[in-house]
């Protein structure tokens, strides 16, 4: 093996230490690993602003009046069970809300925290128990 290549057998998972992962309460599909803030409230209740989310799909784009003004959004649905989880901010009409563009708001009720990531490395001959 060339020196510049990584031996993937010695590094099983590398994610961000201390970052929580959230899952769909209904089907347990993993949804998130880039939480921006838990201090958000939407018209559907408290939730989380996410930079990205996995295992989700977007609905149709529409202009929607929200607590902070009119935004162009699309509903976010779980790929595993089609549960509506929140919305994706395509654009904001007010300058003060532009920081939300390209981010997802996931309502906390249909989510559950499932773990904290950390790097796990295995060396040869080690016993690996959970």
N, C-alpha and C. Protein backbone atom coordinates (compact mmCIF):
# COMPACT_ATOMS: atom_id res chain seq x y z
N UNK A 1 0.85 -1.18 0.00
CA UNK A 1 0.00 0.00 0.00
C UNK A 1 0.89 1.24 0.00
N UNK A 2 0.53 2.22 -0.81
CA UNK A 2 1.30 3.46 -0.88
C UNK A 2 1.15 4.24 0.42
N UNK A 3 2.17 5.01 0.75
CA UNK A 3 2.17 5.76 2.01
C UNK A 3 1.06 6.80 2.08
N UNK A 4 0.60 7.30 0.95
CA UNK A 4 -0.42 8.34 0.96
C UNK A 4 -1.84 7.80 1.14
N UNK A 5 -2.02 6.50 1.04
CA UNK A 5 -3.35 5.92 1.19
C UNK A 5 -3.63 5.57 2.64
N UNK A 6 -4.90 5.59 3.02
CA UNK A 6 -5.31 5.26 4.38
C UNK A 6 -5.79 3.81 4.43
N UNK A 7 -5.35 3.07 5.42
CA UNK A 7 -5.84 1.71 5.62
C UNK A 7 -7.19 1.80 6.30
N UNK A 8 -8.26 1.59 5.55
CA UNK A 8 -9.61 1.76 6.10
C UNK A 8 -9.97 0.69 7.12
N UNK A 9 -9.21 -0.39 7.19
CA UNK A 9 -9.50 -1.43 8.18
C UNK A 9 -9.19 -0.96 9.60
N UNK A 10 -8.32 0.03 9.75
CA UNK A 10 -7.95 0.48 11.10
C UNK A 10 -8.82 1.62 11.61
N UNK A 11 -9.62 2.19 10.75
CA UNK A 11 -10.48 3.30 11.18
C UNK A 11 -11.90 3.00 10.74
N UNK A 12 -12.72 2.54 11.65
CA UNK A 12 -14.08 2.12 11.34
C UNK A 12 -14.99 3.31 11.10
N UNK A 13 -14.93 4.30 11.97
CA UNK A 13 -15.82 5.45 11.89
C UNK A 13 -15.07 6.69 12.34
N UNK A 14 -15.21 7.77 11.60
CA UNK A 14 -14.64 9.03 12.05
C UNK A 14 -15.72 10.09 11.89
N UNK A 15 -16.23 10.56 13.00
CA UNK A 15 -17.24 11.61 13.03
C UNK A 15 -16.80 12.63 14.05
N UNK A 16 -17.61 13.60 14.34
CA UNK A 16 -17.22 14.68 15.24
C UNK A 16 -17.51 14.33 16.68
N UNK A 17 -16.47 14.34 17.48
CA UNK A 17 -16.59 14.01 18.90
C UNK A 17 -17.56 14.96 19.59
N UNK A 18 -18.51 14.39 20.32
CA UNK A 18 -19.43 15.19 21.11
C UNK A 18 -20.64 15.71 20.36
N UNK A 19 -20.75 15.42 19.08
CA UNK A 19 -21.90 15.90 18.30
C UNK A 19 -23.04 14.88 18.41
N UNK A 20 -24.21 15.31 18.82
CA UNK A 20 -25.33 14.38 18.93
C UNK A 20 -25.89 14.03 17.56
N UNK A 21 -26.47 12.88 17.49
CA UNK A 21 -27.21 12.50 16.29
C UNK A 21 -28.66 12.34 16.69
N UNK A 22 -29.54 12.82 15.85
CA UNK A 22 -30.97 12.69 16.10
C UNK A 22 -31.55 11.73 15.08
N UNK A 23 -32.62 11.07 15.47
CA UNK A 23 -33.28 10.10 14.60
C UNK A 23 -34.77 10.37 14.59
N UNK A 24 -35.43 9.85 13.58
CA UNK A 24 -36.88 9.94 13.49
C UNK A 24 -37.49 9.09 14.61
N UNK A 25 -38.38 9.67 15.37
CA UNK A 25 -39.03 8.96 16.47
C UNK A 25 -39.84 7.77 15.96
N UNK A 26 -40.42 7.90 14.78
CA UNK A 26 -41.31 6.87 14.24
C UNK A 26 -40.56 5.65 13.70
N UNK A 27 -39.47 5.87 12.93
CA UNK A 27 -38.80 4.73 12.28
C UNK A 27 -37.32 4.60 12.63
N UNK A 28 -36.78 5.50 13.43
CA UNK A 28 -35.38 5.49 13.90
C UNK A 28 -34.34 5.77 12.81
N UNK A 29 -34.73 6.32 11.68
CA UNK A 29 -33.76 6.69 10.65
C UNK A 29 -32.88 7.83 11.19
N UNK A 30 -31.56 7.69 11.06
CA UNK A 30 -30.63 8.74 11.49
C UNK A 30 -30.83 9.96 10.60
N UNK A 31 -30.91 11.15 11.22
CA UNK A 31 -31.27 12.35 10.48
C UNK A 31 -30.23 13.45 10.47
N UNK A 32 -29.37 13.55 11.46
CA UNK A 32 -28.62 14.78 11.62
C UNK A 32 -27.25 14.55 12.19
N UNK A 33 -26.30 15.36 11.72
CA UNK A 33 -25.01 15.41 12.39
C UNK A 33 -24.39 16.80 12.36
N UNK A 34 -25.14 17.81 11.94
CA UNK A 34 -24.61 19.17 11.92
C UNK A 34 -25.60 20.16 12.53
N UNK A 35 -25.78 20.03 13.82
CA UNK A 35 -26.68 20.90 14.58
C UNK A 35 -26.09 22.30 14.70
N UNK A 36 -26.88 23.31 14.39
CA UNK A 36 -26.45 24.70 14.56
C UNK A 36 -26.98 25.25 15.88
N UNK A 37 -28.27 25.05 16.15
CA UNK A 37 -28.86 25.62 17.36
C UNK A 37 -30.09 24.85 17.80
N UNK A 38 -30.22 24.69 19.12
CA UNK A 38 -31.44 24.12 19.71
C UNK A 38 -32.40 25.22 20.15
N UNK A 39 -31.99 26.47 20.03
CA UNK A 39 -32.77 27.60 20.56
C UNK A 39 -33.70 28.19 19.50
N UNK A 40 -34.44 27.34 18.82
CA UNK A 40 -35.35 27.80 17.78
C UNK A 40 -36.77 27.35 18.09
N UNK A 41 -37.71 28.20 17.73
CA UNK A 41 -39.13 27.86 17.82
C UNK A 41 -39.76 28.18 16.48
N UNK A 42 -40.64 27.31 16.06
CA UNK A 42 -41.37 27.53 14.81
C UNK A 42 -42.85 27.45 15.08
N UNK A 43 -43.63 27.61 14.04
CA UNK A 43 -45.08 27.57 14.23
C UNK A 43 -45.55 26.20 14.67
N UNK A 44 -44.72 25.17 14.48
CA UNK A 44 -45.06 23.81 14.91
C UNK A 44 -44.46 23.44 16.26
N UNK A 45 -43.78 24.39 16.90
CA UNK A 45 -43.18 24.12 18.21
C UNK A 45 -41.68 24.32 18.21
N UNK A 46 -41.05 23.90 19.32
CA UNK A 46 -39.60 24.03 19.45
C UNK A 46 -38.90 23.07 18.50
N UNK A 47 -37.70 23.48 18.09
CA UNK A 47 -36.97 22.62 17.17
C UNK A 47 -35.52 23.00 17.07
N UNK A 48 -34.86 22.43 16.08
CA UNK A 48 -33.42 22.59 15.89
C UNK A 48 -33.14 23.13 14.50
N UNK A 49 -32.22 24.09 14.42
CA UNK A 49 -31.74 24.55 13.13
C UNK A 49 -30.54 23.69 12.77
N UNK A 50 -30.58 23.08 11.60
CA UNK A 50 -29.56 22.14 11.16
C UNK A 50 -28.88 22.66 9.89
N UNK A 51 -27.57 22.50 9.84
CA UNK A 51 -26.86 22.83 8.61
C UNK A 51 -27.20 21.81 7.53
N UNK A 52 -27.26 20.56 7.91
CA UNK A 52 -27.62 19.51 6.96
C UNK A 52 -28.33 18.40 7.71
N UNK A 53 -28.98 17.55 6.98
CA UNK A 53 -29.65 16.38 7.57
C UNK A 53 -29.58 15.26 6.55
N UNK A 54 -29.43 14.05 7.03
CA UNK A 54 -29.41 12.90 6.14
C UNK A 54 -30.75 12.17 6.23
N UNK A 55 -31.00 11.32 5.26
CA UNK A 55 -32.21 10.50 5.23
C UNK A 55 -33.49 11.33 5.22
N UNK A 56 -33.45 12.45 4.53
CA UNK A 56 -34.64 13.29 4.39
C UNK A 56 -34.86 13.62 2.92
N UNK A 57 -36.11 13.99 2.60
CA UNK A 57 -36.44 14.47 1.27
C UNK A 57 -37.27 15.73 1.42
N UNK A 58 -37.27 16.54 0.37
CA UNK A 58 -37.98 17.81 0.40
C UNK A 58 -39.29 17.73 -0.38
N UNK A 59 -40.28 18.45 0.14
CA UNK A 59 -41.55 18.59 -0.56
C UNK A 59 -41.48 19.76 -1.53
N UNK A 60 -42.65 20.22 -1.95
CA UNK A 60 -42.74 21.33 -2.90
C UNK A 60 -42.35 22.65 -2.24
N UNK A 61 -41.71 23.50 -3.02
CA UNK A 61 -41.31 24.84 -2.57
C UNK A 61 -42.54 25.74 -2.53
N UNK A 62 -42.66 26.54 -1.45
CA UNK A 62 -43.79 27.47 -1.33
C UNK A 62 -43.41 28.65 -0.45
N UNK A 63 -44.10 29.76 -0.63
CA UNK A 63 -43.94 30.91 0.26
C UNK A 63 -44.85 30.67 1.46
N UNK A 64 -44.27 30.81 2.67
CA UNK A 64 -45.04 30.49 3.88
C UNK A 64 -44.79 31.56 4.94
N UNK A 65 -45.86 32.10 5.54
CA UNK A 65 -45.68 33.02 6.66
C UNK A 65 -45.27 32.23 7.91
N UNK A 66 -44.11 32.57 8.45
CA UNK A 66 -43.61 31.93 9.67
C UNK A 66 -43.49 33.00 10.75
N UNK A 67 -43.02 32.61 11.92
CA UNK A 67 -42.93 33.55 13.04
C UNK A 67 -42.05 34.75 12.75
N UNK A 68 -41.03 34.57 11.90
CA UNK A 68 -40.08 35.65 11.62
C UNK A 68 -40.30 36.28 10.24
N UNK A 69 -41.46 36.09 9.66
CA UNK A 69 -41.76 36.69 8.36
C UNK A 69 -42.05 35.63 7.31
N UNK A 70 -42.19 36.10 6.08
CA UNK A 70 -42.48 35.19 4.97
C UNK A 70 -41.16 34.60 4.45
N UNK A 71 -41.13 33.29 4.32
CA UNK A 71 -39.96 32.58 3.82
C UNK A 71 -40.40 31.66 2.68
N UNK A 72 -39.50 31.40 1.75
CA UNK A 72 -39.73 30.37 0.75
C UNK A 72 -39.14 29.09 1.33
N UNK A 73 -40.00 28.10 1.57
CA UNK A 73 -39.59 26.88 2.26
C UNK A 73 -40.13 25.66 1.51
N UNK A 74 -39.64 24.51 1.91
CA UNK A 74 -40.17 23.22 1.47
C UNK A 74 -40.21 22.32 2.69
N UNK A 75 -41.30 21.59 2.87
CA UNK A 75 -41.37 20.67 3.99
C UNK A 75 -40.29 19.60 3.87
N UNK A 76 -39.80 19.14 5.02
CA UNK A 76 -38.79 18.09 5.10
C UNK A 76 -39.48 16.83 5.61
N UNK A 77 -39.28 15.72 4.90
CA UNK A 77 -39.90 14.44 5.26
C UNK A 77 -38.83 13.38 5.49
N UNK A 78 -39.08 12.46 6.40
CA UNK A 78 -38.20 11.33 6.66
C UNK A 78 -38.26 10.37 5.46
N UNK A 79 -37.10 9.94 4.98
CA UNK A 79 -37.07 8.96 3.90
C UNK A 79 -37.57 7.59 4.35
N UNK A 80 -37.39 7.28 5.63
CA UNK A 80 -37.77 5.97 6.13
C UNK A 80 -39.27 5.76 6.25
N UNK A 81 -40.00 6.79 6.69
CA UNK A 81 -41.43 6.60 6.96
C UNK A 81 -42.32 7.72 6.42
N UNK A 82 -41.73 8.72 5.78
CA UNK A 82 -42.46 9.85 5.20
C UNK A 82 -43.07 10.79 6.24
N UNK A 83 -42.64 10.71 7.49
CA UNK A 83 -43.11 11.62 8.54
C UNK A 83 -42.62 13.03 8.24
N UNK A 84 -43.49 14.03 8.38
CA UNK A 84 -43.09 15.42 8.21
C UNK A 84 -42.28 15.84 9.43
N UNK A 85 -41.07 16.33 9.21
CA UNK A 85 -40.15 16.64 10.30
C UNK A 85 -39.92 18.13 10.50
N UNK A 86 -40.21 18.93 9.52
CA UNK A 86 -39.94 20.36 9.60
C UNK A 86 -39.92 20.95 8.21
N UNK A 87 -38.99 21.92 7.97
CA UNK A 87 -38.91 22.53 6.66
C UNK A 87 -37.49 22.98 6.35
N UNK A 88 -37.26 23.21 5.07
CA UNK A 88 -35.99 23.69 4.54
C UNK A 88 -36.18 25.13 4.10
N UNK A 89 -35.27 26.01 4.50
CA UNK A 89 -35.33 27.42 4.13
C UNK A 89 -34.65 27.63 2.77
N UNK A 90 -35.43 27.86 1.73
CA UNK A 90 -34.85 28.21 0.43
C UNK A 90 -34.42 29.67 0.43
N UNK A 91 -35.31 30.56 0.89
CA UNK A 91 -34.96 31.98 0.93
C UNK A 91 -35.81 32.71 1.97
N UNK A 92 -35.29 33.83 2.41
CA UNK A 92 -35.99 34.68 3.39
C UNK A 92 -36.18 36.05 2.77
N UNK A 93 -37.33 36.66 3.04
CA UNK A 93 -37.61 37.98 2.46
C UNK A 93 -36.92 39.10 3.24
N UNK A 94 -36.68 38.89 4.52
CA UNK A 94 -36.04 39.91 5.35
C UNK A 94 -34.54 39.64 5.48
N UNK A 95 -33.76 40.70 5.36
CA UNK A 95 -32.31 40.57 5.43
C UNK A 95 -31.85 39.90 6.73
N UNK A 96 -32.49 40.24 7.84
CA UNK A 96 -32.08 39.70 9.14
C UNK A 96 -32.29 38.18 9.24
N UNK A 97 -33.03 37.60 8.33
CA UNK A 97 -33.32 36.17 8.35
C UNK A 97 -32.55 35.38 7.29
N UNK A 98 -31.70 36.05 6.53
CA UNK A 98 -30.97 35.40 5.43
C UNK A 98 -30.04 34.29 5.92
N UNK A 99 -29.60 34.34 7.17
CA UNK A 99 -28.69 33.31 7.69
C UNK A 99 -29.34 31.93 7.71
N UNK A 100 -30.66 31.86 7.62
CA UNK A 100 -31.38 30.58 7.63
C UNK A 100 -31.39 29.90 6.26
N UNK A 101 -31.10 30.65 5.22
CA UNK A 101 -31.17 30.10 3.87
C UNK A 101 -30.24 28.91 3.71
N UNK A 102 -30.76 27.85 3.09
CA UNK A 102 -29.98 26.64 2.88
C UNK A 102 -29.91 25.73 4.09
N UNK A 103 -30.68 26.04 5.13
CA UNK A 103 -30.66 25.24 6.37
C UNK A 103 -32.02 24.62 6.62
N UNK A 104 -32.04 23.65 7.51
CA UNK A 104 -33.27 22.95 7.83
C UNK A 104 -33.69 23.23 9.26
N UNK A 105 -34.99 23.40 9.47
CA UNK A 105 -35.56 23.49 10.81
C UNK A 105 -36.30 22.19 11.04
N UNK A 106 -35.85 21.40 12.01
CA UNK A 106 -36.52 20.14 12.34
C UNK A 106 -37.19 20.29 13.70
N UNK A 107 -38.47 20.02 13.74
CA UNK A 107 -39.26 20.13 14.97
C UNK A 107 -38.81 19.04 15.93
N UNK A 108 -38.65 19.37 17.21
CA UNK A 108 -38.08 18.41 18.16
C UNK A 108 -39.01 17.23 18.49
N UNK A 109 -40.33 17.41 18.39
CA UNK A 109 -41.24 16.31 18.76
C UNK A 109 -41.04 15.01 17.98
N UNK A 110 -40.90 15.05 16.64
CA UNK A 110 -40.72 13.78 15.94
C UNK A 110 -39.28 13.28 15.92
N UNK A 111 -38.40 13.87 16.75
CA UNK A 111 -37.00 13.47 16.78
C UNK A 111 -36.66 12.85 18.12
N UNK A 112 -35.62 12.01 18.11
CA UNK A 112 -35.10 11.48 19.37
C UNK A 112 -33.58 11.46 19.28
N UNK A 113 -32.89 11.87 20.36
CA UNK A 113 -31.43 11.77 20.36
C UNK A 113 -31.04 10.31 20.51
N UNK A 114 -30.06 9.84 19.71
CA UNK A 114 -29.71 8.43 19.81
C UNK A 114 -28.28 8.14 20.20
N UNK A 115 -27.35 9.08 19.98
CA UNK A 115 -25.97 8.78 20.38
C UNK A 115 -25.11 10.01 20.27
N UNK A 116 -23.89 9.87 20.71
CA UNK A 116 -22.87 10.88 20.49
C UNK A 116 -21.77 10.23 19.68
N UNK A 117 -21.31 10.93 18.64
CA UNK A 117 -20.27 10.41 17.78
C UNK A 117 -18.90 10.51 18.43
N UNK A 118 -18.03 9.63 18.05
CA UNK A 118 -16.63 9.76 18.39
C UNK A 118 -15.84 8.89 17.43
N UNK A 119 -14.58 9.17 17.32
CA UNK A 119 -13.75 8.38 16.43
C UNK A 119 -13.46 7.04 17.09
N UNK A 120 -13.61 5.99 16.33
CA UNK A 120 -13.35 4.64 16.83
C UNK A 120 -12.28 4.03 15.94
N UNK A 121 -11.14 3.69 16.51
CA UNK A 121 -10.07 3.06 15.74
C UNK A 121 -9.76 1.70 16.33
N UNK A 122 -9.55 0.75 15.45
CA UNK A 122 -9.20 -0.60 15.87
C UNK A 122 -7.80 -0.93 15.39
N UNK A 123 -6.99 -1.45 16.29
CA UNK A 123 -5.67 -1.92 15.91
C UNK A 123 -5.71 -3.43 15.75
N UNK A 124 -4.70 -3.98 15.13
CA UNK A 124 -4.67 -5.42 14.92
C UNK A 124 -4.57 -6.15 16.26
N UNK A 125 -5.33 -7.22 16.38
CA UNK A 125 -5.25 -8.06 17.56
C UNK A 125 -6.00 -7.56 18.77
N UNK A 126 -6.70 -6.44 18.68
CA UNK A 126 -7.44 -5.93 19.82
C UNK A 126 -8.78 -6.63 19.93
N UNK A 127 -9.25 -6.78 21.15
CA UNK A 127 -10.58 -7.33 21.41
C UNK A 127 -11.56 -6.17 21.38
N UNK A 128 -12.63 -6.29 20.61
CA UNK A 128 -13.59 -5.20 20.43
C UNK A 128 -14.93 -5.59 21.00
N UNK A 129 -15.24 -5.05 22.17
CA UNK A 129 -16.52 -5.33 22.80
C UNK A 129 -17.28 -4.03 22.97
N UNK A 130 -18.61 -4.11 22.85
CA UNK A 130 -19.43 -2.90 22.94
C UNK A 130 -19.87 -2.58 24.31
